[in-house]
Amino acid sequence: MNITLTDIQHLTKAAECLKVLAHPHRLRIVEMLLTERYTVGELADSCDIPSNIASGHLRLLQRCGLLVPERAGRNVYYTITEPCLKQIMDCIRQRFSTP
């Protein structure tokens, strides 16, 4: 059997991004951003955390290339840039949501 394996450098980068995702508030933020764009304050309120903590979570997600900020007047909105996050969240919902 001859299978092609993913390069270890790519797997290392994937593992780093999965570690970033592996936090309940960051998963909630991703879940929300998959539906529409939000500001830091809106995300913080939904997660019941201070805005500075939400900003830190957003910076980590942005560093992995999973989302981008967009300025609209005085507000900064965040949107998902990685389309595969929808499938990851679908998998999480299927596995961990109550029936």
PDB file of N, CA and C in Angstrom:
ATOM      1  N   MET A   1       0.842  -1.170   0.000  1.00  0.00           N
ATOM      2  CA  MET A   1       0.000   0.000   0.000  1.00  0.00           C
ATOM      3  C   MET A   1       0.890   1.237   0.000  1.00  0.00           C
ATOM      4  N   ASN A   2       0.688   2.105  -0.966  1.00  0.00           N
ATOM      5  CA  ASN A   2       1.496   3.304  -1.115  1.00  0.00           C
ATOM      6  C   ASN A   2       0.610   4.531  -0.919  1.00  0.00           C
ATOM      7  N   ILE A   3       0.739   5.165   0.243  1.00  0.00           N
ATOM      8  CA  ILE A   3      -0.046   6.364   0.503  1.00  0.00           C
ATOM      9  C   ILE A   3       0.878   7.570   0.602  1.00  0.00           C
ATOM     10  N   THR A   4       0.351   8.724   0.257  1.00  0.00           N
ATOM     11  CA  THR A   4       1.112   9.953   0.350  1.00  0.00           C
ATOM     12  C   THR A   4       0.790  10.617   1.684  1.00  0.00           C
ATOM     13  N   LEU A   5       1.817  10.831   2.482  1.00  0.00           N
ATOM     14  CA  LEU A   5       1.641  11.453   3.786  1.00  0.00           C
ATOM     15  C   LEU A   5       1.930  12.946   3.700  1.00  0.00           C
ATOM     16  N   THR A   6       1.272  13.698   4.545  1.00  0.00           N
ATOM     17  CA  THR A   6       1.475  15.145   4.607  1.00  0.00           C
ATOM     18  C   THR A   6       2.847  15.439   5.198  1.00  0.00           C
ATOM     19  N   ASP A   7       3.515  16.408   4.630  1.00  0.00           N
ATOM     20  CA  ASP A   7       4.829  16.823   5.108  1.00  0.00           C
ATOM     21  C   ASP A   7       4.746  17.217   6.580  1.00  0.00           C
ATOM     22  N   ILE A   8       5.727  16.820   7.372  1.00  0.00           N
ATOM     23  CA  ILE A   8       5.724  17.071   8.816  1.00  0.00           C
ATOM     24  C   ILE A   8       5.694  18.568   9.129  1.00  0.00           C
ATOM     25  N   GLN A   9       6.292  19.404   8.282  1.00  0.00           N
ATOM     26  CA  GLN A   9       6.246  20.855   8.508  1.00  0.00           C
ATOM     27  C   GLN A   9       4.819  21.382   8.395  1.00  0.00           C
ATOM     28  N   HIS A  10       4.063  20.846   7.440  1.00  0.00           N
ATOM     29  CA  HIS A  10       2.663  21.244   7.304  1.00  0.00           C
ATOM     30  C   HIS A  10       1.852  20.744   8.495  1.00  0.00           C
ATOM     31  N   LEU A  11       2.135  19.553   8.959  1.00  0.00           N
ATOM     32  CA  LEU A  11       1.433  19.019  10.125  1.00  0.00           C
ATOM     33  C   LEU A  11       1.766  19.807  11.383  1.00  0.00           C
ATOM     34  N   THR A  12       2.993  20.284  11.480  1.00  0.00           N
ATOM     35  CA  THR A  12       3.385  21.113  12.624  1.00  0.00           C
ATOM     36  C   THR A  12       2.583  22.411  12.636  1.00  0.00           C
ATOM     37  N   LYS A  13       2.447  23.045  11.492  1.00  0.00           N
ATOM     38  CA  LYS A  13       1.653  24.273  11.396  1.00  0.00           C
ATOM     39  C   LYS A  13       0.185  23.989  11.706  1.00  0.00           C
ATOM     40  N   ALA A  14      -0.324  22.876  11.213  1.00  0.00           N
ATOM     41  CA  ALA A  14      -1.714  22.493  11.495  1.00  0.00           C
ATOM     42  C   ALA A  14      -1.915  22.284  12.991  1.00  0.00           C
ATOM     43  N   ALA A  15      -0.973  21.620  13.637  1.00  0.00           N
ATOM     44  CA  ALA A  15      -1.077  21.371  15.079  1.00  0.00           C
ATOM     45  C   ALA A  15      -1.088  22.678  15.861  1.00  0.00           C
ATOM     46  N   GLU A  16      -0.274  23.634  15.438  1.00  0.00           N
ATOM     47  CA  GLU A  16      -0.244  24.932  16.112  1.00  0.00           C
ATOM     48  C   GLU A  16      -1.596  25.634  16.002  1.00  0.00           C
ATOM     49  N   CYS A  17      -2.196  25.608  14.821  1.00  0.00           N
ATOM     50  CA  CYS A  17      -3.509  26.237  14.638  1.00  0.00           C
ATOM     51  C   CYS A  17      -4.598  25.490  15.406  1.00  0.00           C
ATOM     52  N   LEU A  18      -4.508  24.173  15.455  1.00  0.00           N
ATOM     53  CA  LEU A  18      -5.497  23.411  16.226  1.00  0.00           C
ATOM     54  C   LEU A  18      -5.373  23.702  17.714  1.00  0.00           C
ATOM     55  N   LYS A  19      -4.151  23.926  18.190  1.00  0.00           N
ATOM     56  CA  LYS A  19      -3.962  24.315  19.594  1.00  0.00           C
ATOM     57  C   LYS A  19      -4.632  25.653  19.867  1.00  0.00           C
ATOM     58  N   VAL A  20      -4.516  26.571  18.926  1.00  0.00           N
ATOM     59  CA  VAL A  20      -5.156  27.876  19.090  1.00  0.00           C
ATOM     60  C   VAL A  20      -6.672  27.707  19.140  1.00  0.00           C
ATOM     61  N   LEU A  21      -7.213  26.866  18.308  1.00  0.00           N
ATOM     62  CA  LEU A  21      -8.660  26.635  18.306  1.00  0.00           C
ATOM     63  C   LEU A  21      -9.147  25.935  19.575  1.00  0.00           C
ATOM     64  N   ALA A  22      -8.267  25.213  20.224  1.00  0.00           N
ATOM     65  CA  ALA A  22      -8.657  24.355  21.358  1.00  0.00           C
ATOM     66  C   ALA A  22      -8.906  25.153  22.636  1.00  0.00           C
ATOM     67  N   HIS A  23      -9.843  26.069  22.561  1.00  0.00           N
ATOM     68  CA  HIS A  23     -10.255  26.852  23.725  1.00  0.00           C
ATOM     69  C   HIS A  23     -11.745  27.161  23.546  1.00  0.00           C
ATOM     70  N   PRO A  24     -12.553  26.983  24.591  1.00  0.00           N
ATOM     71  CA  PRO A  24     -14.003  27.155  24.419  1.00  0.00           C
ATOM     72  C   PRO A  24     -14.415  28.553  23.947  1.00  0.00           C
ATOM     73  N   HIS A  25     -13.761  29.603  24.430  1.00  0.00           N
ATOM     74  CA  HIS A  25     -14.134  30.943  23.967  1.00  0.00           C
ATOM     75  C   HIS A  25     -13.743  31.160  22.515  1.00  0.00           C
ATOM     76  N   ARG A  26     -12.602  30.636  22.114  1.00  0.00           N
ATOM     77  CA  ARG A  26     -12.200  30.786  20.711  1.00  0.00           C
ATOM     78  C   ARG A  26     -13.121  29.980  19.801  1.00  0.00           C
ATOM     79  N   LEU A  27     -13.541  28.812  20.249  1.00  0.00           N
ATOM     80  CA  LEU A  27     -14.501  28.037  19.452  1.00  0.00           C
ATOM     81  C   LEU A  27     -15.828  28.775  19.333  1.00  0.00           C
ATOM     82  N   ARG A  28     -16.276  29.414  20.414  1.00  0.00           N
ATOM     83  CA  ARG A  28     -17.515  30.205  20.366  1.00  0.00           C
ATOM     84  C   ARG A  28     -17.360  31.376  19.404  1.00  0.00           C
ATOM     85  N   ILE A  29     -16.204  32.043  19.460  1.00  0.00           N
ATOM     86  CA  ILE A  29     -15.943  33.164  18.553  1.00  0.00           C
ATOM     87  C   ILE A  29     -15.995  32.692  17.105  1.00  0.00           C
ATOM     88  N   VAL A  30     -15.352  31.586  16.802  1.00  0.00           N
ATOM     89  CA  VAL A  30     -15.375  31.041  15.439  1.00  0.00           C
ATOM     90  C   VAL A  30     -16.806  30.692  15.048  1.00  0.00           C
ATOM     91  N   GLU A  31     -17.529  30.061  15.955  1.00  0.00           N
ATOM     92  CA  GLU A  31     -18.919  29.684  15.682  1.00  0.00           C
ATOM     93  C   GLU A  31     -19.750  30.919  15.311  1.00  0.00           C
ATOM     94  N   MET A  32     -19.559  31.994  16.059  1.00  0.00           N
ATOM     95  CA  MET A  32     -20.293  33.222  15.772  1.00  0.00           C
ATOM     96  C   MET A  32     -19.863  33.843  14.443  1.00  0.00           C
ATOM     97  N   LEU A  33     -18.556  33.900  14.217  1.00  0.00           N
ATOM     98  CA  LEU A  33     -18.046  34.543  13.011  1.00  0.00           C
ATOM     99  C   LEU A  33     -18.373  33.766  11.744  1.00  0.00           C
ATOM    100  N   LEU A  34     -18.711  32.512  11.879  1.00  0.00           N
ATOM    101  CA  LEU A  34     -19.138  31.753  10.707  1.00  0.00           C
ATOM    102  C   LEU A  34     -20.525  32.177  10.230  1.00  0.00           C
ATOM    103  N   THR A  35     -21.268  32.876  11.088  1.00  0.00           N
ATOM    104  CA  THR A  35     -22.614  33.314  10.705  1.00  0.00           C
ATOM    105  C   THR A  35     -22.627  34.743  10.180  1.00  0.00           C
ATOM    106  N   GLU A  36     -21.815  35.623  10.782  1.00  0.00           N
ATOM    107  CA  GLU A  36     -21.711  37.015  10.339  1.00  0.00           C
ATOM    108  C   GLU A  36     -20.507  37.665  10.991  1.00  0.00           C
ATOM    109  N   ARG A  37     -20.266  38.926  10.675  1.00  0.00           N
ATOM    110  CA  ARG A  37     -19.128  39.626  11.266  1.00  0.00           C
ATOM    111  C   ARG A  37     -19.548  40.283  12.576  1.00  0.00           C
ATOM    112  N   TYR A  38     -18.593  40.405  13.494  1.00  0.00           N
ATOM    113  CA  TYR A  38     -18.847  40.972  14.808  1.00  0.00           C
ATOM    114  C   TYR A  38     -17.684  41.856  15.234  1.00  0.00           C
ATOM    115  N   THR A  39     -17.982  42.762  16.175  1.00  0.00           N
ATOM    116  CA  THR A  39     -16.942  43.575  16.791  1.00  0.00           C
ATOM    117  C   THR A  39     -16.401  42.834  18.015  1.00  0.00           C
ATOM    118  N   VAL A  40     -15.292  43.315  18.537  1.00  0.00           N
ATOM    119  CA  VAL A  40     -14.712  42.732  19.751  1.00  0.00           C
ATOM    120  C   VAL A  40     -15.730  42.779  20.886  1.00  0.00           C
ATOM    121  N   GLY A  41     -16.381  43.915  21.054  1.00  0.00           N
ATOM    122  CA  GLY A  41     -17.346  44.067  22.140  1.00  0.00           C
ATOM    123  C   GLY A  41     -18.495  43.084  22.042  1.00  0.00           C
ATOM    124  N   GLU A  42     -19.002  42.872  20.840  1.00  0.00           N
ATOM    125  CA  GLU A  42     -20.111  41.925  20.648  1.00  0.00           C
ATOM    126  C   GLU A  42     -19.663  40.501  20.970  1.00  0.00           C
ATOM    127  N   LEU A  43     -18.459  40.155  20.527  1.00  0.00           N
ATOM    128  CA  LEU A  43     -17.939  38.815  20.807  1.00  0.00           C
ATOM    129  C   LEU A  43     -17.689  38.643  22.302  1.00  0.00           C
ATOM    130  N   ALA A  44     -17.129  39.662  22.938  1.00  0.00           N
ATOM    131  CA  ALA A  44     -16.857  39.601  24.373  1.00  0.00           C
ATOM    132  C   ALA A  44     -18.158  39.422  25.152  1.00  0.00           C
ATOM    133  N   ASP A  45     -19.177  40.191  24.801  1.00  0.00           N
ATOM    134  CA  ASP A  45     -20.470  40.076  25.489  1.00  0.00           C
ATOM    135  C   ASP A  45     -21.054  38.676  25.338  1.00  0.00           C
ATOM    136  N   SER A  46     -20.986  38.124  24.140  1.00  0.00           N
ATOM    137  CA  SER A  46     -21.543  36.792  23.899  1.00  0.00           C
ATOM    138  C   SER A  46     -20.796  35.714  24.675  1.00  0.00           C
ATOM    139  N   CYS A  47     -19.483  35.906  24.830  1.00  0.00           N
ATOM    140  CA  CYS A  47     -18.661  34.927  25.557  1.00  0.00           C
ATOM    141  C   CYS A  47     -18.615  35.220  27.055  1.00  0.00           C
ATOM    142  N   ASP A  48     -19.206  36.346  27.474  1.00  0.00           N
ATOM    143  CA  ASP A  48     -19.207  36.768  28.875  1.00  0.00           C
ATOM    144  C   ASP A  48     -17.779  36.912  29.413  1.00  0.00           C
ATOM    145  N   ILE A  49     -16.943  37.589  28.608  1.00  0.00           N
ATOM    146  CA  ILE A  49     -15.554  37.850  28.992  1.00  0.00           C
ATOM    147  C   ILE A  49     -15.256  39.326  28.733  1.00  0.00           C
ATOM    148  N   PRO A  50     -14.235  39.885  29.382  1.00  0.00           N
ATOM    149  CA  PRO A  50     -13.857  41.280  29.114  1.00  0.00           C
ATOM    150  C   PRO A  50     -13.343  41.450  27.674  1.00  0.00           C
ATOM    151  N   SER A  51     -13.501  42.651  27.148  1.00  0.00           N
ATOM    152  CA  SER A  51     -13.071  42.944  25.771  1.00  0.00           C
ATOM    153  C   SER A  51     -11.588  42.696  25.555  1.00  0.00           C
ATOM    154  N   ASN A  52     -10.748  42.991  26.568  1.00  0.00           N
ATOM    155  CA  ASN A  52      -9.309  42.785  26.370  1.00  0.00           C
ATOM    156  C   ASN A  52      -8.977  41.297  26.231  1.00  0.00           C
ATOM    157  N   ILE A  53      -9.721  40.444  26.912  1.00  0.00           N
ATOM    158  CA  ILE A  53      -9.510  38.989  26.771  1.00  0.00           C
ATOM    159  C   ILE A  53      -9.978  38.537  25.388  1.00  0.00           C
ATOM    160  N   ALA A  54     -11.135  39.039  24.947  1.00  0.00           N
ATOM    161  CA  ALA A  54     -11.629  38.712  23.601  1.00  0.00           C
ATOM    162  C   ALA A  54     -10.629  39.168  22.543  1.00  0.00           C
ATOM    163  N   SER A  55     -10.046  40.344  22.738  1.00  0.00           N
ATOM    164  CA  SER A  55      -9.039  40.841  21.785  1.00  0.00           C
ATOM    165  C   SER A  55      -7.840  39.904  21.699  1.00  0.00           C
ATOM    166  N   GLY A  56      -7.418  39.375  22.837  1.00  0.00           N
ATOM    167  CA  GLY A  56      -6.312  38.421  22.848  1.00  0.00           C
ATOM    168  C   GLY A  56      -6.651  37.159  22.079  1.00  0.00           C
ATOM    169  N   HIS A  57      -7.864  36.657  22.265  1.00  0.00           N
ATOM    170  CA  HIS A  57      -8.299  35.474  21.518  1.00  0.00           C
ATOM    171  C   HIS A  57      -8.311  35.771  20.018  1.00  0.00           C
ATOM    172  N   LEU A  58      -8.816  36.940  19.663  1.00  0.00           N
ATOM    173  CA  LEU A  58      -8.876  37.317  18.248  1.00  0.00           C
ATOM    174  C   LEU A  58      -7.482  37.442  17.641  1.00  0.00           C
ATOM    175  N   ARG A  59      -6.537  37.985  18.394  1.00  0.00           N
ATOM    176  CA  ARG A  59      -5.150  38.096  17.895  1.00  0.00           C
ATOM    177  C   ARG A  59      -4.571  36.708  17.588  1.00  0.00           C
ATOM    178  N   LEU A  60      -4.811  35.752  18.489  1.00  0.00           N
ATOM    179  CA  LEU A  60      -4.298  34.395  18.253  1.00  0.00           C
ATOM    180  C   LEU A  60      -4.918  33.783  16.998  1.00  0.00           C
ATOM    181  N   LEU A  61      -6.219  33.937  16.844  1.00  0.00           N
ATOM    182  CA  LEU A  61      -6.902  33.392  15.665  1.00  0.00           C
ATOM    183  C   LEU A  61      -6.418  34.082  14.389  1.00  0.00           C
ATOM    184  N   GLN A  62      -6.189  35.374  14.494  1.00  0.00           N
ATOM    185  CA  GLN A  62      -5.696  36.133  13.343  1.00  0.00           C
ATOM    186  C   GLN A  62      -4.280  35.708  12.978  1.00  0.00           C
ATOM    187  N   ARG A  63      -3.437  35.468  13.980  1.00  0.00           N
ATOM    188  CA  ARG A  63      -2.055  35.048  13.742  1.00  0.00           C
ATOM    189  C   ARG A  63      -2.000  33.735  12.964  1.00  0.00           C
ATOM    190  N   CYS A  64      -2.981  32.871  13.179  1.00  0.00           N
ATOM    191  CA  CYS A  64      -3.038  31.597  12.447  1.00  0.00           C
ATOM    192  C   CYS A  64      -3.659  31.760  11.058  1.00  0.00           C
ATOM    193  N   GLY A  65      -4.094  32.966  10.733  1.00  0.00           N
ATOM    194  CA  GLY A  65      -4.687  33.200   9.418  1.00  0.00           C
ATOM    195  C   GLY A  65      -6.124  32.729   9.314  1.00  0.00           C
ATOM    196  N   LEU A  66      -6.808  32.617  10.454  1.00  0.00           N
ATOM    197  CA  LEU A  66      -8.178  32.116  10.447  1.00  0.00           C
ATOM    198  C   LEU A  66      -9.219  33.216  10.294  1.00  0.00           C
ATOM    199  N   LEU A  67      -8.851  34.455  10.616  1.00  0.00           N
ATOM    200  CA  LEU A  67      -9.781  35.569  10.481  1.00  0.00           C
ATOM    201  C   LEU A  67      -9.027  36.851  10.213  1.00  0.00           C
ATOM    202  N   VAL A  68      -9.779  37.868   9.796  1.00  0.00           N
ATOM    203  CA  VAL A  68      -9.183  39.180   9.524  1.00  0.00           C
ATOM    204  C   VAL A  68     -10.077  40.274  10.101  1.00  0.00           C
ATOM    205  N   PRO A  69      -9.439  41.383  10.516  1.00  0.00           N
ATOM    206  CA  PRO A  69     -10.224  42.540  10.946  1.00  0.00           C
ATOM    207  C   PRO A  69     -10.565  43.411   9.737  1.00  0.00           C
ATOM    208  N   GLU A  70     -11.724  44.046   9.794  1.00  0.00           N
ATOM    209  CA  GLU A  70     -12.137  44.981   8.747  1.00  0.00           C
ATOM    210  C   GLU A  70     -12.659  46.233   9.433  1.00  0.00           C
ATOM    211  N   ARG A  71     -12.070  47.373   9.110  1.00  0.00           N
ATOM    212  CA  ARG A  71     -12.508  48.626   9.712  1.00  0.00           C
ATOM    213  C   ARG A  71     -13.716  49.154   8.942  1.00  0.00           C
ATOM    214  N   ALA A  72     -14.729  49.577   9.707  1.00  0.00           N
ATOM    215  CA  ALA A  72     -15.920  50.209   9.133  1.00  0.00           C
ATOM    216  C   ALA A  72     -16.231  51.424  10.009  1.00  0.00           C
ATOM    217  N   GLY A  73     -15.746  52.570   9.585  1.00  0.00           N
ATOM    218  CA  GLY A  73     -15.905  53.767  10.406  1.00  0.00           C
ATOM    219  C   GLY A  73     -15.073  53.641  11.665  1.00  0.00           C
ATOM    220  N   ARG A  74     -15.738  53.773  12.816  1.00  0.00           N
ATOM    221  CA  ARG A  74     -15.033  53.671  14.098  1.00  0.00           C
ATOM    222  C   ARG A  74     -14.961  52.250  14.612  1.00  0.00           C
ATOM    223  N   ASN A  75     -15.663  51.346  13.960  1.00  0.00           N
ATOM    224  CA  ASN A  75     -15.717  49.950  14.426  1.00  0.00           C
ATOM    225  C   ASN A  75     -14.772  49.056  13.628  1.00  0.00           C
ATOM    226  N   VAL A  76     -14.293  48.025  14.301  1.00  0.00           N
ATOM    227  CA  VAL A  76     -13.508  46.981  13.641  1.00  0.00           C
ATOM    228  C   VAL A  76     -14.316  45.696  13.748  1.00  0.00           C
ATOM    229  N   TYR A  77     -14.607  45.120  12.602  1.00  0.00           N
ATOM    230  CA  TYR A  77     -15.359  43.865  12.546  1.00  0.00           C
ATOM    231  C   TYR A  77     -14.419  42.743  12.154  1.00  0.00           C
ATOM    232  N   TYR A  78     -14.694  41.555  12.658  1.00  0.00           N
ATOM    233  CA  TYR A  78     -13.881  40.387  12.345  1.00  0.00           C
ATOM    234  C   TYR A  78     -14.681  39.425  11.497  1.00  0.00           C
ATOM    235  N   THR A  79     -13.995  38.828  10.511  1.00  0.00           N
ATOM    236  CA  THR A  79     -14.619  37.828   9.647  1.00  0.00           C
ATOM    237  C   THR A  79     -13.666  36.652   9.452  1.00  0.00           C
ATOM    238  N   ILE A  80     -14.240  35.503   9.239  1.00  0.00           N
ATOM    239  CA  ILE A  80     -13.484  34.268   8.997  1.00  0.00           C
ATOM    240  C   ILE A  80     -12.897  34.303   7.599  1.00  0.00           C
ATOM    241  N   THR A  81     -11.633  33.891   7.483  1.00  0.00           N
ATOM    242  CA  THR A  81     -10.989  33.800   6.165  1.00  0.00           C
ATOM    243  C   THR A  81     -10.736  32.353   5.754  1.00  0.00           C
ATOM    244  N   GLU A  82     -10.819  31.439   6.689  1.00  0.00           N
ATOM    245  CA  GLU A  82     -10.532  30.031   6.411  1.00  0.00           C
ATOM    246  C   GLU A  82     -11.844  29.262   6.258  1.00  0.00           C
ATOM    247  N   PRO A  83     -12.215  28.921   5.018  1.00  0.00           N
ATOM    248  CA  PRO A  83     -13.491  28.243   4.790  1.00  0.00           C
ATOM    249  C   PRO A  83     -13.590  26.858   5.452  1.00  0.00           C
ATOM    250  N   CYS A  84     -12.477  26.206   5.696  1.00  0.00           N
ATOM    251  CA  CYS A  84     -12.513  24.869   6.306  1.00  0.00           C
ATOM    252  C   CYS A  84     -12.982  24.895   7.762  1.00  0.00           C
ATOM    253  N   LEU A  85     -12.991  26.076   8.387  1.00  0.00           N
ATOM    254  CA  LEU A  85     -13.460  26.162   9.774  1.00  0.00           C
ATOM    255  C   LEU A  85     -14.914  25.727   9.916  1.00  0.00           C
ATOM    256  N   LYS A  86     -15.713  25.936   8.877  1.00  0.00           N
ATOM    257  CA  LYS A  86     -17.114  25.496   8.927  1.00  0.00           C
ATOM    258  C   LYS A  86     -17.189  23.986   9.099  1.00  0.00           C
ATOM    259  N   GLN A  87     -16.380  23.252   8.366  1.00  0.00           N
ATOM    260  CA  GLN A  87     -16.389  21.791   8.480  1.00  0.00           C
ATOM    261  C   GLN A  87     -15.872  21.337   9.836  1.00  0.00           C
ATOM    262  N   ILE A  88     -14.864  22.023  10.353  1.00  0.00           N
ATOM    263  CA  ILE A  88     -14.352  21.684  11.688  1.00  0.00           C
ATOM    264  C   ILE A  88     -15.434  21.904  12.731  1.00  0.00           C
ATOM    265  N   MET A  89     -16.133  23.040  12.660  1.00  0.00           N
ATOM    266  CA  MET A  89     -17.203  23.323  13.620  1.00  0.00           C
ATOM    267  C   MET A  89     -18.374  22.358  13.446  1.00  0.00           C
ATOM    268  N   ASP A  90     -18.685  21.979  12.213  1.00  0.00           N
ATOM    269  CA  ASP A  90     -19.740  20.984  11.986  1.00  0.00           C
ATOM    270  C   ASP A  90     -19.376  19.662  12.657  1.00  0.00           C
ATOM    271  N   CYS A  91     -18.123  19.258  12.534  1.00  0.00           N
ATOM    272  CA  CYS A  91     -17.642  18.030  13.168  1.00  0.00           C
ATOM    273  C   CYS A  91     -17.760  18.132  14.689  1.00  0.00           C
ATOM    274  N   ILE A  92     -17.373  19.268  15.245  1.00  0.00           N
ATOM    275  CA  ILE A  92     -17.457  19.472  16.697  1.00  0.00           C
ATOM    276  C   ILE A  92     -18.909  19.403  17.157  1.00  0.00           C
ATOM    277  N   ARG A  93     -19.808  20.059  16.431  1.00  0.00           N
ATOM    278  CA  ARG A  93     -21.229  20.022  16.788  1.00  0.00           C
ATOM    279  C   ARG A  93     -21.771  18.596  16.744  1.00  0.00           C
ATOM    280  N   GLN A  94     -21.439  17.867  15.689  1.00  0.00           N
ATOM    281  CA  GLN A  94     -21.920  16.480  15.566  1.00  0.00           C
ATOM    282  C   GLN A  94     -21.418  15.621  16.712  1.00  0.00           C
ATOM    283  N   ARG A  95     -20.187  15.799  17.082  1.00  0.00           N
ATOM    284  CA  ARG A  95     -19.580  14.943  18.100  1.00  0.00           C
ATOM    285  C   ARG A  95     -19.956  15.334  19.521  1.00  0.00           C
ATOM    286  N   PHE A  96     -20.085  16.633  19.789  1.00  0.00           N
ATOM    287  CA  PHE A  96     -20.218  17.072  21.183  1.00  0.00           C
ATOM    288  C   PHE A  96     -21.550  17.724  21.545  1.00  0.00           C
ATOM    289  N   SER A  97     -22.427  17.956  20.582  1.00  0.00           N
ATOM    290  CA  SER A  97     -23.727  18.522  20.912  1.00  0.00           C
ATOM    291  C   SER A  97     -24.654  17.434  21.418  1.00  0.00           C
ATOM    292  N   THR A  98     -25.552  17.827  22.288  1.00  0.00           N
ATOM    293  CA  THR A  98     -26.513  16.848  22.801  1.00  0.00           C
ATOM    294  C   THR A  98     -27.536  16.528  21.736  1.00  0.00           C
ATOM    295  N   PRO A  99     -28.032  15.295  21.711  1.00  0.00           N
ATOM    296  CA  PRO A  99     -28.998  14.892  20.665  1.00  0.00           C
ATOM    297  C   PRO A  99     -30.326  15.592  20.795  1.00  0.00           C
TER     298      PRO A  99
END
